[in-house]
C-alpha atoms as a PDB file:
ATOM      1  CA  UNK A   1     276.161 247.561  87.476  1.00  0.00           C
ATOM      2  CA  UNK A   2     272.949 249.158  88.673  1.00  0.00           C
ATOM      3  CA  UNK A   3     273.696 251.845  91.218  1.00  0.00           C
ATOM      4  CA  UNK A   4     271.319 252.257  94.143  1.00  0.00           C
ATOM      5  CA  UNK A   5     270.563 255.665  95.626  1.00  0.00           C
ATOM      6  CA  UNK A   6     269.360 255.757  99.233  1.00  0.00           C
ATOM      7  CA  UNK A   7     267.279 258.907  99.803  1.00  0.00           C
ATOM      8  CA  UNK A   8     266.641 259.656 103.483  1.00  0.00           C
ATOM      9  CA  UNK A   9     264.583 262.686 104.615  1.00  0.00           C
ATOM     10  CA  UNK A  10     265.508 263.928 108.082  1.00  0.00           C
ATOM     11  CA  UNK A  11     264.596 266.412 110.756  1.00  0.00           C
ATOM     12  CA  UNK A  12     266.261 266.120 114.164  1.00  0.00           C
ATOM     13  CA  UNK A  13     267.036 262.417 113.759  1.00  0.00           C
ATOM     14  CA  UNK A  14     270.351 262.211 115.623  1.00  0.00           C
ATOM     15  CA  UNK A  15     269.059 259.322 117.762  1.00  0.00           C
ATOM     16  CA  UNK A  16     268.360 257.103 114.742  1.00  0.00           C
ATOM     17  CA  UNK A  17     270.225 258.236 111.629  1.00  0.00           C
ATOM     18  CA  UNK A  18     273.601 256.792 112.646  1.00  0.00           C
ATOM     19  CA  UNK A  19     272.352 253.200 112.907  1.00  0.00           C
ATOM     20  CA  UNK A  20     270.548 253.600 109.591  1.00  0.00           C
ATOM     21  CA  UNK A  21     273.735 254.767 107.886  1.00  0.00           C
ATOM     22  CA  UNK A  22     275.819 252.079 109.598  1.00  0.00           C
ATOM     23  CA  UNK A  23     273.556 249.398 108.147  1.00  0.00           C
ATOM     24  CA  UNK A  24     274.010 250.860 104.661  1.00  0.00           C
ATOM     25  CA  UNK A  25     277.785 251.074 105.002  1.00  0.00           C
ATOM     26  CA  UNK A  26     277.856 247.373 105.977  1.00  0.00           C
ATOM     27  CA  UNK A  27     276.371 246.257 102.658  1.00  0.00           C
ATOM     28  CA  UNK A  28     278.306 243.402 101.060  1.00  0.00           C
ATOM     29  CA  UNK A  29     277.754 244.975  97.642  1.00  0.00           C
ATOM     30  CA  UNK A  30     278.991 248.577  97.594  1.00  0.00           C
ATOM     31  CA  UNK A  31     276.907 249.699  94.630  1.00  0.00           C
ATOM     32  CA  UNK A  32     275.197 252.627  96.332  1.00  0.00           C
ATOM     33  CA  UNK A  33     275.201 256.304  97.252  1.00  0.00           C
ATOM     34  CA  UNK A  34     273.532 257.966 100.254  1.00  0.00           C
ATOM     35  CA  UNK A  35     271.564 261.208  99.992  1.00  0.00           C
ATOM     36  CA  UNK A  36     270.220 262.827 103.153  1.00  0.00           C
ATOM     37  CA  UNK A  37     267.668 265.599 102.623  1.00  0.00           C
ATOM     38  CA  UNK A  38     267.520 267.589 105.841  1.00  0.00           C
ATOM     39  CA  UNK A  39     264.649 269.910 106.708  1.00  0.00           C
ATOM     40  CA  UNK A  40     265.941 272.355 109.283  1.00  0.00           C
ATOM     41  CA  UNK A  41     267.446 269.985 111.857  1.00  0.00           C
ATOM     42  CA  UNK A  42     268.670 271.663 115.038  1.00  0.00           C
ATOM     43  CA  UNK A  43     270.604 268.688 116.404  1.00  0.00           C
ATOM     44  CA  UNK A  44     273.590 266.655 115.114  1.00  0.00           C
ATOM     45  CA  UNK A  45     271.762 264.955 112.228  1.00  0.00           C
ATOM     46  CA  UNK A  46     273.756 266.683 109.489  1.00  0.00           C
ATOM     47  CA  UNK A  47     277.075 266.191 111.266  1.00  0.00           C
ATOM     48  CA  UNK A  48     276.415 262.451 111.609  1.00  0.00           C
ATOM     49  CA  UNK A  49     275.288 262.138 107.982  1.00  0.00           C
ATOM     50  CA  UNK A  50     278.474 263.768 106.705  1.00  0.00           C
ATOM     51  CA  UNK A  51     280.587 261.535 108.943  1.00  0.00           C
ATOM     52  CA  UNK A  52     279.216 258.521 107.056  1.00  0.00           C
ATOM     53  CA  UNK A  53     279.861 260.010 103.635  1.00  0.00           C
ATOM     54  CA  UNK A  54     276.290 261.000 102.812  1.00  0.00           C
ATOM     55  CA  UNK A  55     275.565 263.809 100.391  1.00  0.00           C
ATOM     56  CA  UNK A  56     273.570 266.298 102.480  1.00  0.00           C
ATOM     57  CA  UNK A  57     270.979 268.514 100.824  1.00  0.00           C
ATOM     58  CA  UNK A  58     269.154 271.262 102.719  1.00  0.00           C
ATOM     59  CA  UNK A  59     265.416 271.853 102.239  1.00  0.00           C
ATOM     60  CA  UNK A  60     263.545 274.654 104.016  1.00  0.00           C
ATOM     61  CA  UNK A  61     260.059 273.569 102.994  1.00  0.00           C
ATOM     62  CA  UNK A  62     258.144 271.078 105.120  1.00  0.00           C
ATOM     63  CA  UNK A  63     256.737 267.845 103.753  1.00  0.00           C
ATOM     64  CA  UNK A  64     258.259 264.424 103.250  1.00  0.00           C
ATOM     65  CA  UNK A  65     257.113 264.335  99.601  1.00  0.00           C
ATOM     66  CA  UNK A  66     259.066 267.544  98.926  1.00  0.00           C
ATOM     67  CA  UNK A  67     262.191 266.162 100.609  1.00  0.00           C
ATOM     68  CA  UNK A  68     262.028 262.831  98.770  1.00  0.00           C
ATOM     69  CA  UNK A  69     261.528 264.474  95.393  1.00  0.00           C
ATOM     70  CA  UNK A  70     264.464 266.779  96.003  1.00  0.00           C
ATOM     71  CA  UNK A  71     266.685 263.848  96.936  1.00  0.00           C
ATOM     72  CA  UNK A  72     265.589 261.955  93.828  1.00  0.00           C
ATOM     73  CA  UNK A  73     266.643 264.861  91.633  1.00  0.00           C
ATOM     74  CA  UNK A  74     270.213 264.458  92.902  1.00  0.00           C
ATOM     75  CA  UNK A  75     270.187 260.649  92.677  1.00  0.00           C
ATOM     76  CA  UNK A  76     272.690 259.113  90.246  1.00  0.00           C
ATOM     77  CA  UNK A  77     271.486 255.539  90.643  1.00  0.00           C
ATOM     78  CA  UNK A  78     268.874 253.928  88.450  1.00  0.00           C
ATOM     79  CA  UNK A  79     267.225 252.400  91.525  1.00  0.00           C
ATOM     80  CA  UNK A  80     266.035 254.703  94.337  1.00  0.00           C
ATOM     81  CA  UNK A  81     265.413 253.447  97.869  1.00  0.00           C
ATOM     82  CA  UNK A  82     263.376 255.891  99.957  1.00  0.00           C
ATOM     83  CA  UNK A  83     263.884 255.207 103.660  1.00  0.00           C
ATOM     84  CA  UNK A  84     263.002 256.881 106.934  1.00  0.00           C
ATOM     85  CA  UNK A  85     265.888 257.730 109.251  1.00  0.00           C
ATOM     86  CA  UNK A  86     264.962 254.956 111.688  1.00  0.00           C
ATOM     87  CA  UNK A  87     265.165 252.185 109.077  1.00  0.00           C
ATOM     88  CA  UNK A  88     267.896 249.532 109.197  1.00  0.00           C
ATOM     89  CA  UNK A  89     268.959 247.118 106.473  1.00  0.00           C
ATOM     90  CA  UNK A  90     270.400 243.617 106.409  1.00  0.00           C
ATOM     91  CA  UNK A  91     273.894 243.293 104.911  1.00  0.00           C
ATOM     92  CA  UNK A  92     272.739 241.766 101.612  1.00  0.00           C
ATOM     93  CA  UNK A  93     270.013 244.343 100.913  1.00  0.00           C
ATOM     94  CA  UNK A  94     271.651 246.026  97.902  1.00  0.00           C
ATOM     95  CA  UNK A  95     272.573 242.665  96.377  1.00  0.00           C
ATOM     96  CA  UNK A  96     268.988 241.447  96.622  1.00  0.00           C
ATOM     97  CA  UNK A  97     267.567 244.705  95.266  1.00  0.00           C
ATOM     98  CA  UNK A  98     269.713 244.504  92.146  1.00  0.00           C
ATOM     99  CA  UNK A  99     268.522 240.962  91.553  1.00  0.00           C
ATOM    100  CA  UNK A 100     264.869 241.983  91.928  1.00  0.00           C
ATOM    101  CA  UNK A 101     265.153 244.772  89.394  1.00  0.00           C
ATOM    102  CA  UNK A 102     266.346 242.404  86.697  1.00  0.00           C
ATOM    103  CA  UNK A 103     262.736 241.232  86.446  1.00  0.00           C
ATOM    104  CA  UNK A 104     261.227 244.299  84.778  1.00  0.00           C
ATOM    105  CA  UNK A 105     259.409 245.712  87.795  1.00  0.00           C
ATOM    106  CA  UNK A 106     258.566 249.299  88.723  1.00  0.00           C
ATOM    107  CA  UNK A 107     259.047 249.179  92.464  1.00  0.00           C
ATOM    108  CA  UNK A 108     257.938 247.666  95.714  1.00  0.00           C
ATOM    109  CA  UNK A 109     257.886 247.503  99.490  1.00  0.00           C
ATOM    110  CA  UNK A 110     259.437 245.119 101.997  1.00  0.00           C
ATOM    111  CA  UNK A 111     258.726 242.719 104.804  1.00  0.00           C
ATOM    112  CA  UNK A 112     258.942 245.225 107.661  1.00  0.00           C
ATOM    113  CA  UNK A 113     259.500 244.401 111.308  1.00  0.00           C
ATOM    114  CA  UNK A 114     260.479 246.303 114.456  1.00  0.00           C
ATOM    115  CA  UNK A 115     264.056 246.246 115.716  1.00  0.00           C
ATOM    116  CA  UNK A 116     262.995 247.657 119.077  1.00  0.00           C
ATOM    117  CA  UNK A 117     259.537 246.173 119.589  1.00  0.00           C
ATOM    118  CA  UNK A 118     258.378 243.478 121.969  1.00  0.00           C
ATOM    119  CA  UNK A 119     256.855 240.147 120.946  1.00  0.00           C
ATOM    120  CA  UNK A 120     253.352 241.597 120.606  1.00  0.00           C
ATOM    121  CA  UNK A 121     254.624 244.489 118.453  1.00  0.00           C
ATOM    122  CA  UNK A 122     256.341 242.094 116.070  1.00  0.00           C
ATOM    123  CA  UNK A 123     253.291 239.826 115.805  1.00  0.00           C
ATOM    124  CA  UNK A 124     251.107 242.863 115.055  1.00  0.00           C
ATOM    125  CA  UNK A 125     253.466 244.003 112.301  1.00  0.00           C
ATOM    126  CA  UNK A 126     253.655 240.478 110.901  1.00  0.00           C
ATOM    127  CA  UNK A 127     249.864 240.492 110.561  1.00  0.00           C
ATOM    128  CA  UNK A 128     249.996 243.932 108.907  1.00  0.00           C
ATOM    129  CA  UNK A 129     252.570 242.647 106.399  1.00  0.00           C
ATOM    130  CA  UNK A 130     250.273 239.697 105.632  1.00  0.00           C
ATOM    131  CA  UNK A 131     247.361 242.043 104.947  1.00  0.00           C
ATOM    132  CA  UNK A 132     249.389 244.374 102.706  1.00  0.00           C
ATOM    133  CA  UNK A 133     251.000 241.534 100.778  1.00  0.00           C
ATOM    134  CA  UNK A 134     247.650 239.989  99.907  1.00  0.00           C
ATOM    135  CA  UNK A 135     246.046 243.324  99.054  1.00  0.00           C
ATOM    136  CA  UNK A 136     248.848 244.001  96.564  1.00  0.00           C
ATOM    137  CA  UNK A 137     248.514 240.506  95.084  1.00  0.00           C
ATOM    138  CA  UNK A 138     244.792 241.162  94.664  1.00  0.00           C
ATOM    139  CA  UNK A 139     245.540 244.378  92.774  1.00  0.00           C
ATOM    140  CA  UNK A 140     244.839 246.867  95.566  1.00  0.00           C
ATOM    141  CA  UNK A 141     248.069 248.853  95.805  1.00  0.00           C
ATOM    142  CA  UNK A 142     249.048 250.072  99.255  1.00  0.00           C
ATOM    143  CA  UNK A 143     252.366 250.671 101.041  1.00  0.00           C
ATOM    144  CA  UNK A 144     253.668 250.434 104.593  1.00  0.00           C
ATOM    145  CA  UNK A 145     255.350 253.819 104.654  1.00  0.00           C
ATOM    146  CA  UNK A 146     258.818 253.436 106.158  1.00  0.00           C
ATOM    147  CA  UNK A 147     260.749 252.163 103.151  1.00  0.00           C
ATOM    148  CA  UNK A 148     260.099 251.575  99.449  1.00  0.00           C
ATOM    149  CA  UNK A 149     262.062 251.277  96.217  1.00  0.00           C
ATOM    150  CA  UNK A 150     261.498 252.451  92.633  1.00  0.00           C
ATOM    151  CA  UNK A 151     263.027 252.256  89.210  1.00  0.00           C
ATOM    152  CA  UNK A 152     264.230 255.811  88.633  1.00  0.00           C
ATOM    153  CA  UNK A 153     262.949 256.001  85.044  1.00  0.00           C
ATOM    154  CA  UNK A 154     259.447 255.011  86.133  1.00  0.00           C
ATOM    155  CA  UNK A 155     259.624 257.378  89.108  1.00  0.00           C
ATOM    156  CA  UNK A 156     260.480 260.276  86.800  1.00  0.00           C
ATOM    157  CA  UNK A 157     257.851 259.235  84.261  1.00  0.00           C
ATOM    158  CA  UNK A 158     255.052 259.583  86.837  1.00  0.00           C
ATOM    159  CA  UNK A 159     256.666 262.828  88.119  1.00  0.00           C
ATOM    160  CA  UNK A 160     257.506 261.515  91.576  1.00  0.00           C
ATOM    161  CA  UNK A 161     255.606 262.208  94.777  1.00  0.00           C
ATOM    162  CA  UNK A 162     252.652 264.574  94.771  1.00  0.00           C
ATOM    163  CA  UNK A 163     253.963 267.467  96.876  1.00  0.00           C
ATOM    164  CA  UNK A 164     250.448 268.670  97.699  1.00  0.00           C
ATOM    165  CA  UNK A 165     249.953 265.542  99.820  1.00  0.00           C
ATOM    166  CA  UNK A 166     251.267 265.591 103.394  1.00  0.00           C
ATOM    167  CA  UNK A 167     249.992 262.069 104.070  1.00  0.00           C
ATOM    168  CA  UNK A 168     249.469 259.049 101.795  1.00  0.00           C
ATOM    169  CA  UNK A 169     251.981 260.442  99.333  1.00  0.00           C
ATOM    170  CA  UNK A 170     253.519 256.947  99.369  1.00  0.00           C
ATOM    171  CA  UNK A 171     250.241 255.205  98.479  1.00  0.00           C
ATOM    172  CA  UNK A 172     249.531 257.781  95.790  1.00  0.00           C
ATOM    173  CA  UNK A 173     252.898 257.224  94.084  1.00  0.00           C
ATOM    174  CA  UNK A 174     252.669 253.427  94.289  1.00  0.00           C
ATOM    175  CA  UNK A 175     249.221 253.428  92.677  1.00  0.00           C
ATOM    176  CA  UNK A 176     250.354 255.643  89.780  1.00  0.00           C
ATOM    177  CA  UNK A 177     253.476 253.542  89.233  1.00  0.00           C
ATOM    178  CA  UNK A 178     251.504 250.275  89.287  1.00  0.00           C
ATOM    179  CA  UNK A 179     249.500 251.465  86.274  1.00  0.00           C
ATOM    180  CA  UNK A 180     252.680 251.344  84.202  1.00  0.00           C
ATOM    181  CA  UNK A 181     254.541 248.318  85.597  1.00  0.00           C
ATOM    182  CA  UNK A 182     254.451 245.734  88.343  1.00  0.00           C
ATOM    183  CA  UNK A 183     254.583 246.927  91.961  1.00  0.00           C
ATOM    184  CA  UNK A 184     255.662 244.168  94.366  1.00  0.00           C
ATOM    185  CA  UNK A 185     255.735 243.104  97.981  1.00  0.00           C
ATOM    186  CA  UNK A 186     259.238 241.664  98.517  1.00  0.00           C
ATOM    187  CA  UNK A 187     258.452 239.033 101.112  1.00  0.00           C
ATOM    188  CA  UNK A 188     262.019 237.694 101.164  1.00  0.00           C
ATOM    189  CA  UNK A 189     263.662 241.071 101.957  1.00  0.00           C
ATOM    190  CA  UNK A 190     263.400 242.052 105.620  1.00  0.00           C
ATOM    191  CA  UNK A 191     263.760 245.714 106.579  1.00  0.00           C
ATOM    192  CA  UNK A 192     263.740 246.935 110.186  1.00  0.00           C
ATOM    193  CA  UNK A 193     262.077 250.053 111.561  1.00  0.00           C
ATOM    194  CA  UNK A 194     261.325 251.585 114.961  1.00  0.00           C
ATOM    195  CA  UNK A 195     258.182 251.139 117.019  1.00  0.00           C
ATOM    196  CA  UNK A 196     258.577 254.712 118.329  1.00  0.00           C
ATOM    197  CA  UNK A 197     255.602 256.211 116.468  1.00  0.00           C
ATOM    198  CA  UNK A 198     253.229 253.517 117.669  1.00  0.00           C
ATOM    199  CA  UNK A 199     254.454 253.766 121.257  1.00  0.00           C
ATOM    200  CA  UNK A 200     254.152 257.537 121.244  1.00  0.00           C
ATOM    201  CA  UNK A 201     250.480 257.485 120.293  1.00  0.00           C
ATOM    202  CA  UNK A 202     249.372 254.037 121.474  1.00  0.00           C
ATOM    203  CA  UNK A 203     248.066 251.303 119.185  1.00  0.00           C
ATOM    204  CA  UNK A 204     244.418 252.368 119.172  1.00  0.00           C
ATOM    205  CA  UNK A 205     245.085 256.045 118.517  1.00  0.00           C
ATOM    206  CA  UNK A 206     247.755 255.201 115.927  1.00  0.00           C
ATOM    207  CA  UNK A 207     245.347 252.891 114.110  1.00  0.00           C
ATOM    208  CA  UNK A 208     242.474 255.393 114.142  1.00  0.00           C
ATOM    209  CA  UNK A 209     244.686 258.188 112.767  1.00  0.00           C
ATOM    210  CA  UNK A 210     245.963 256.020 109.932  1.00  0.00           C
ATOM    211  CA  UNK A 211     242.565 254.626 108.999  1.00  0.00           C
ATOM    212  CA  UNK A 212     241.115 258.145 108.925  1.00  0.00           C
ATOM    213  CA  UNK A 213     244.018 259.425 106.836  1.00  0.00           C
ATOM    214  CA  UNK A 214     243.918 256.507 104.403  1.00  0.00           C
ATOM    215  CA  UNK A 215     240.143 256.655 103.879  1.00  0.00           C
ATOM    216  CA  UNK A 216     240.350 260.393 103.252  1.00  0.00           C
ATOM    217  CA  UNK A 217     242.931 259.817 100.546  1.00  0.00           C
ATOM    218  CA  UNK A 218     241.226 256.883  98.830  1.00  0.00           C
ATOM    219  CA  UNK A 219     237.813 258.577  98.751  1.00  0.00           C
ATOM    220  CA  UNK A 220     238.810 262.167  98.029  1.00  0.00           C
ATOM    221  CA  UNK A 221     242.559 262.196  97.200  1.00  0.00           C
ATOM    222  CA  UNK A 222     243.190 264.598 100.070  1.00  0.00           C
ATOM    223  CA  UNK A 223     245.546 264.638 103.056  1.00  0.00           C
ATOM    224  CA  UNK A 224     244.593 264.720 106.705  1.00  0.00           C
ATOM    225  CA  UNK A 225     245.894 268.217 107.429  1.00  0.00           C
ATOM    226  CA  UNK A 226     245.987 267.758 111.198  1.00  0.00           C
ATOM    227  CA  UNK A 227     247.860 264.429 110.925  1.00  0.00           C
ATOM    228  CA  UNK A 228     251.114 265.796 112.357  1.00  0.00           C
ATOM    229  CA  UNK A 229     249.285 267.531 115.221  1.00  0.00           C
ATOM    230  CA  UNK A 230     247.909 264.308 116.718  1.00  0.00           C
END
C-alpha cells in the first residue's frame, strides 16, 4: 500500500486548519499521515493540529518553501500532498491519488474550486482551471498554488522546493519535476480552497500581483520580494 503524507505549513490558521484536518480524517481509505509544519503561530493552530493526530514540527524561519521541505523530510509516505491550511478534500481523495500514481507520473495539481465563494468566484476559478489545464497539456508547466502532489522519490531527486524563492516556488518545482516525468492536471479530482486571499485584496489587485510575480519568475527566476506586503 502506498502511504500518503499530507504536509501542511501553518501560521495562525486556527480559523481554517480544523476543517482541513477533518476532511483528511474522513477519508474512506486510511492510508495517510498528517504533518503540520508551524512557523511561529500565536493562536490555537498547534493545539488543533495535535487534537487531530497530526505530527507537529516547529520551524522558526519564514518561507513556505522552507516549511514544505522540512515537512517532506519527516514524511514516511511515498506520495506527498502539499496543502495550504484552508484546503478541504473530498472523502475519496486518498483512494483516487493512489490510483493515479500507479501510472508512472511525477506529480500534479487538482481541479480547484472555492468552498466559500459566490457564483462569480466559482466561475472565475473554473475559467482559471481551464487555462492551467490546457497550458499543462501544451507543455507549459504551471500550478495553482493551494494544493499539489508529488512522488517522493522524484521530489527528493530534484532536491525539493528552492528555499531562496518566496513566491513561485511551486511553479519552479513543477517545472523541474516535469523534466524527469509527467506532471498532470487531475481534472477528475476536486479540491476546495478559500476565497479569502482574493477577497482581501480584490480581484484586480490580486490578479496584478500574481501576474507581476509570475512574470518576474519566468523571465528572471526571482521572487517578488514585496509580495507579502501587498
